[in-house]
């Protein structure tokens, strides 16, 4: 599975999959043991301790004296993580004001189709369709202020036959 994380202001895509006795992160096998907020990471004979704290949106991680702040990239909740199976939930990436909603319930969209524009931190952000499908609906309107991670709408992906 490919996960997209936001590390500070950078977005990083990481492929993570189960492999051997641990997890494959990219092409590196990493063993992970979790005890409370402590993580023991092992790669070959090298073992490292990290501490992680989750504050709702962000994970704060301390590893080898370095502090990282990361979160799963907002915008899409995968099925099983706040979405019903077969749906793509569109969330606000941050607190901001909706400028325009480009779609309505029943519209068919392709991956990358513009769904809406919002303004946050004096910048304009475009939220695009992550999958091809039918717009189920959007719960926001132009000029509305939305909170970070607020669900804005959902798309029901097309089945294999494109319907």
C-alpha atoms as a PDB file:
ATOM      1  CA  UNK A   1       0.000   0.000   0.000  1.00  0.00           C
ATOM      2  CA  UNK A   2       1.240   3.475  -0.775  1.00  0.00           C
ATOM      3  CA  UNK A   3       0.731   6.056   1.935  1.00  0.00           C
ATOM      4  CA  UNK A   4       1.196   9.757   1.513  1.00  0.00           C
ATOM      5  CA  UNK A   5       2.433  11.621   4.578  1.00  0.00           C
ATOM      6  CA  UNK A   6       2.923  15.261   5.223  1.00  0.00           C
ATOM      7  CA  UNK A   7       6.235  15.877   6.976  1.00  0.00           C
ATOM      8  CA  UNK A   8       6.276  19.522   7.965  1.00  0.00           C
ATOM      9  CA  UNK A   9       5.376  21.205   4.660  1.00  0.00           C
ATOM     10  CA  UNK A  10       6.724  18.392   2.438  1.00  0.00           C
ATOM     11  CA  UNK A  11       4.590  15.562   1.108  1.00  0.00           C
ATOM     12  CA  UNK A  12       6.247  12.160   1.017  1.00  0.00           C
ATOM     13  CA  UNK A  13       4.871   9.002  -0.599  1.00  0.00           C
ATOM     14  CA  UNK A  14       5.983   5.774   1.045  1.00  0.00           C
ATOM     15  CA  UNK A  15       5.218   2.221  -0.002  1.00  0.00           C
ATOM     16  CA  UNK A  16       4.589   0.082   3.077  1.00  0.00           C
ATOM     17  CA  UNK A  17       3.915  -3.643   3.014  1.00  0.00           C
ATOM     18  CA  UNK A  18       4.298  -6.643   5.284  1.00  0.00           C
ATOM     19  CA  UNK A  19       7.473  -8.576   4.573  1.00  0.00           C
ATOM     20  CA  UNK A  20       9.512 -11.220   6.387  1.00  0.00           C
ATOM     21  CA  UNK A  21       9.437 -10.571  10.133  1.00  0.00           C
ATOM     22  CA  UNK A  22       8.661  -6.872   9.831  1.00  0.00           C
ATOM     23  CA  UNK A  23       7.507  -4.222   7.418  1.00  0.00           C
ATOM     24  CA  UNK A  24       8.984  -3.209   4.097  1.00  0.00           C
ATOM     25  CA  UNK A  25       9.226   0.569   3.922  1.00  0.00           C
ATOM     26  CA  UNK A  26      10.299   1.261   0.372  1.00  0.00           C
ATOM     27  CA  UNK A  27      12.933  -1.452  -0.109  1.00  0.00           C
ATOM     28  CA  UNK A  28      14.073  -1.546   3.543  1.00  0.00           C
ATOM     29  CA  UNK A  29      12.816  -4.160   6.003  1.00  0.00           C
ATOM     30  CA  UNK A  30      12.085  -2.582   9.361  1.00  0.00           C
ATOM     31  CA  UNK A  31      10.990  -4.389  12.508  1.00  0.00           C
ATOM     32  CA  UNK A  32       8.641  -2.348  14.672  1.00  0.00           C
ATOM     33  CA  UNK A  33       7.747  -3.064  18.304  1.00  0.00           C
ATOM     34  CA  UNK A  34       5.341  -0.664  20.015  1.00  0.00           C
ATOM     35  CA  UNK A  35       5.056  -0.237  23.787  1.00  0.00           C
ATOM     36  CA  UNK A  36       2.895   2.726  24.793  1.00  0.00           C
ATOM     37  CA  UNK A  37       4.473   5.780  23.146  1.00  0.00           C
ATOM     38  CA  UNK A  38       7.840   4.037  22.611  1.00  0.00           C
ATOM     39  CA  UNK A  39       8.782   2.479  19.286  1.00  0.00           C
ATOM     40  CA  UNK A  40      11.682   0.084  18.895  1.00  0.00           C
ATOM     41  CA  UNK A  41      12.801   0.097  15.267  1.00  0.00           C
ATOM     42  CA  UNK A  42      15.210  -2.527  14.003  1.00  0.00           C
ATOM     43  CA  UNK A  43      16.898  -2.727  10.650  1.00  0.00           C
ATOM     44  CA  UNK A  44      19.285  -5.653  10.459  1.00  0.00           C
ATOM     45  CA  UNK A  45      21.408  -5.492  13.635  1.00  0.00           C
ATOM     46  CA  UNK A  46      20.749  -1.778  14.146  1.00  0.00           C
ATOM     47  CA  UNK A  47      18.127  -0.937  16.777  1.00  0.00           C
ATOM     48  CA  UNK A  48      16.784   2.539  17.435  1.00  0.00           C
ATOM     49  CA  UNK A  49      14.274   3.921  19.902  1.00  0.00           C
ATOM     50  CA  UNK A  50      11.729   6.518  18.963  1.00  0.00           C
ATOM     51  CA  UNK A  51       8.894   8.154  20.847  1.00  0.00           C
ATOM     52  CA  UNK A  52       5.606   9.109  19.258  1.00  0.00           C
ATOM     53  CA  UNK A  53       2.701  11.221  20.465  1.00  0.00           C
ATOM     54  CA  UNK A  54      -0.530  11.706  18.534  1.00  0.00           C
ATOM     55  CA  UNK A  55      -2.477  14.931  19.106  1.00  0.00           C
ATOM     56  CA  UNK A  56      -5.481  14.298  16.878  1.00  0.00           C
ATOM     57  CA  UNK A  57      -4.150  15.430  13.497  1.00  0.00           C
ATOM     58  CA  UNK A  58      -0.382  15.205  13.837  1.00  0.00           C
ATOM     59  CA  UNK A  59       2.113  12.604  15.008  1.00  0.00           C
ATOM     60  CA  UNK A  60       5.100  14.055  16.854  1.00  0.00           C
ATOM     61  CA  UNK A  61       8.073  11.686  16.631  1.00  0.00           C
ATOM     62  CA  UNK A  62      11.440  11.957  18.341  1.00  0.00           C
ATOM     63  CA  UNK A  63      14.169   9.766  16.827  1.00  0.00           C
ATOM     64  CA  UNK A  64      17.912  10.055  17.500  1.00  0.00           C
ATOM     65  CA  UNK A  65      17.486  13.533  18.935  1.00  0.00           C
ATOM     66  CA  UNK A  66      15.586  14.771  15.891  1.00  0.00           C
ATOM     67  CA  UNK A  67      11.975  15.855  16.067  1.00  0.00           C
ATOM     68  CA  UNK A  68       9.573  15.038  13.212  1.00  0.00           C
ATOM     69  CA  UNK A  69       6.010  16.233  12.788  1.00  0.00           C
ATOM     70  CA  UNK A  70       3.961  14.225  10.344  1.00  0.00           C
ATOM     71  CA  UNK A  71       0.438  13.291   9.452  1.00  0.00           C
ATOM     72  CA  UNK A  72      -1.299  11.284   6.847  1.00  0.00           C
ATOM     73  CA  UNK A  73      -1.927  13.565   3.902  1.00  0.00           C
ATOM     74  CA  UNK A  74      -5.416  15.012   4.364  1.00  0.00           C
ATOM     75  CA  UNK A  75      -7.940  15.033   1.584  1.00  0.00           C
ATOM     76  CA  UNK A  76      -8.818  11.369   1.239  1.00  0.00           C
ATOM     77  CA  UNK A  77      -9.887   8.796   3.785  1.00  0.00           C
ATOM     78  CA  UNK A  78      -9.394   5.277   2.521  1.00  0.00           C
ATOM     79  CA  UNK A  79     -12.192   2.735   2.845  1.00  0.00           C
ATOM     80  CA  UNK A  80     -12.176   1.382   6.372  1.00  0.00           C
ATOM     81  CA  UNK A  81     -10.710   4.611   7.763  1.00  0.00           C
ATOM     82  CA  UNK A  82     -13.768   6.800   8.153  1.00  0.00           C
ATOM     83  CA  UNK A  83     -15.242   5.881   4.785  1.00  0.00           C
ATOM     84  CA  UNK A  84     -17.685   3.173   3.908  1.00  0.00           C
ATOM     85  CA  UNK A  85     -16.308   0.456   1.657  1.00  0.00           C
ATOM     86  CA  UNK A  86     -16.236   1.659  -1.936  1.00  0.00           C
ATOM     87  CA  UNK A  87     -16.291   5.397  -1.198  1.00  0.00           C
ATOM     88  CA  UNK A  88     -13.675   8.129  -1.366  1.00  0.00           C
ATOM     89  CA  UNK A  89     -14.257  10.695   1.365  1.00  0.00           C
ATOM     90  CA  UNK A  90     -12.965  14.184   0.547  1.00  0.00           C
ATOM     91  CA  UNK A  91     -11.717  16.133   3.565  1.00  0.00           C
ATOM     92  CA  UNK A  92     -10.463  19.692   4.038  1.00  0.00           C
ATOM     93  CA  UNK A  93      -6.648  19.669   4.172  1.00  0.00           C
ATOM     94  CA  UNK A  94      -6.685  22.599   6.613  1.00  0.00           C
ATOM     95  CA  UNK A  95      -8.979  25.249   8.035  1.00  0.00           C
ATOM     96  CA  UNK A  96     -10.010  27.622   5.282  1.00  0.00           C
ATOM     97  CA  UNK A  97     -12.760  29.198   3.198  1.00  0.00           C
ATOM     98  CA  UNK A  98     -14.450  27.445   0.293  1.00  0.00           C
ATOM     99  CA  UNK A  99     -14.173  29.590  -2.837  1.00  0.00           C
ATOM    100  CA  UNK A 100     -16.177  27.449  -5.271  1.00  0.00           C
ATOM    101  CA  UNK A 101     -17.577  23.959  -5.555  1.00  0.00           C
ATOM    102  CA  UNK A 102     -17.275  22.685  -9.134  1.00  0.00           C
ATOM    103  CA  UNK A 103     -19.401  19.509  -8.835  1.00  0.00           C
ATOM    104  CA  UNK A 104     -22.776  18.407  -7.557  1.00  0.00           C
ATOM    105  CA  UNK A 105     -24.441  15.128  -6.652  1.00  0.00           C
ATOM    106  CA  UNK A 106     -24.672  12.797  -9.628  1.00  0.00           C
ATOM    107  CA  UNK A 107     -21.736  14.278 -11.571  1.00  0.00           C
ATOM    108  CA  UNK A 108     -19.291  11.752 -13.041  1.00  0.00           C
ATOM    109  CA  UNK A 109     -15.630  12.598 -12.413  1.00  0.00           C
ATOM    110  CA  UNK A 110     -12.282  11.258 -13.622  1.00  0.00           C
ATOM    111  CA  UNK A 111      -9.179  11.033 -11.422  1.00  0.00           C
ATOM    112  CA  UNK A 112      -7.721  14.523 -11.133  1.00  0.00           C
ATOM    113  CA  UNK A 113     -10.993  16.319 -11.942  1.00  0.00           C
ATOM    114  CA  UNK A 114     -11.298  19.558  -9.994  1.00  0.00           C
ATOM    115  CA  UNK A 115     -13.880  19.219  -7.218  1.00  0.00           C
ATOM    116  CA  UNK A 116     -13.519  22.505  -5.363  1.00  0.00           C
ATOM    117  CA  UNK A 117     -11.214  25.370  -4.552  1.00  0.00           C
ATOM    118  CA  UNK A 118     -10.538  26.695  -1.102  1.00  0.00           C
ATOM    119  CA  UNK A 119      -8.434  29.478   0.340  1.00  0.00           C
ATOM    120  CA  UNK A 120      -6.231  28.958   3.373  1.00  0.00           C
ATOM    121  CA  UNK A 121      -3.198  30.843   4.628  1.00  0.00           C
ATOM    122  CA  UNK A 122      -3.593  33.357   1.748  1.00  0.00           C
ATOM    123  CA  UNK A 123      -3.195  30.599  -0.852  1.00  0.00           C
ATOM    124  CA  UNK A 124      -5.713  28.884  -3.131  1.00  0.00           C
ATOM    125  CA  UNK A 125      -5.867  25.085  -2.995  1.00  0.00           C
ATOM    126  CA  UNK A 126      -7.628  22.850  -5.502  1.00  0.00           C
ATOM    127  CA  UNK A 127      -9.040  19.547  -4.271  1.00  0.00           C
ATOM    128  CA  UNK A 128      -9.247  16.962  -7.042  1.00  0.00           C
ATOM    129  CA  UNK A 129     -10.981  13.623  -7.442  1.00  0.00           C
ATOM    130  CA  UNK A 130      -8.738  10.773  -6.263  1.00  0.00           C
ATOM    131  CA  UNK A 131     -10.708   8.189  -8.269  1.00  0.00           C
ATOM    132  CA  UNK A 132     -13.102   7.940 -11.206  1.00  0.00           C
ATOM    133  CA  UNK A 133     -16.648   7.780  -9.945  1.00  0.00           C
ATOM    134  CA  UNK A 134     -19.948   9.465  -9.233  1.00  0.00           C
ATOM    135  CA  UNK A 135     -20.169  12.403  -6.846  1.00  0.00           C
ATOM    136  CA  UNK A 136     -22.401  11.344  -3.962  1.00  0.00           C
ATOM    137  CA  UNK A 137     -22.665  14.902  -2.685  1.00  0.00           C
ATOM    138  CA  UNK A 138     -20.800  17.799  -1.098  1.00  0.00           C
ATOM    139  CA  UNK A 139     -21.804  19.318   2.212  1.00  0.00           C
ATOM    140  CA  UNK A 140     -20.025  22.658   1.746  1.00  0.00           C
ATOM    141  CA  UNK A 141     -20.830  25.852  -0.171  1.00  0.00           C
ATOM    142  CA  UNK A 142     -18.912  28.828  -1.485  1.00  0.00           C
ATOM    143  CA  UNK A 143     -17.857  31.272   1.230  1.00  0.00           C
ATOM    144  CA  UNK A 144     -18.279  28.658   3.988  1.00  0.00           C
ATOM    145  CA  UNK A 145     -15.424  28.315   6.486  1.00  0.00           C
ATOM    146  CA  UNK A 146     -14.414  24.691   7.062  1.00  0.00           C
ATOM    147  CA  UNK A 147     -12.163  23.061   9.645  1.00  0.00           C
ATOM    148  CA  UNK A 148      -9.117  20.885   8.985  1.00  0.00           C
ATOM    149  CA  UNK A 149     -10.096  17.270   8.225  1.00  0.00           C
ATOM    150  CA  UNK A 150     -13.796  18.200   7.962  1.00  0.00           C
ATOM    151  CA  UNK A 151     -15.600  15.880   5.547  1.00  0.00           C
ATOM    152  CA  UNK A 152     -16.607  17.951   2.512  1.00  0.00           C
ATOM    153  CA  UNK A 153     -18.033  15.300   0.205  1.00  0.00           C
ATOM    154  CA  UNK A 154     -17.747  11.811  -1.162  1.00  0.00           C
ATOM    155  CA  UNK A 155     -17.292   9.977  -4.429  1.00  0.00           C
ATOM    156  CA  UNK A 156     -18.495   6.452  -5.149  1.00  0.00           C
ATOM    157  CA  UNK A 157     -15.846   4.891  -7.417  1.00  0.00           C
ATOM    158  CA  UNK A 158     -16.895   3.240 -10.650  1.00  0.00           C
ATOM    159  CA  UNK A 159     -16.813  -0.543 -10.675  1.00  0.00           C
ATOM    160  CA  UNK A 160     -14.355  -2.363 -12.921  1.00  0.00           C
ATOM    161  CA  UNK A 161     -16.696  -1.946 -15.918  1.00  0.00           C
ATOM    162  CA  UNK A 162     -16.633   1.858 -15.516  1.00  0.00           C
ATOM    163  CA  UNK A 163     -20.232   2.171 -14.209  1.00  0.00           C
END
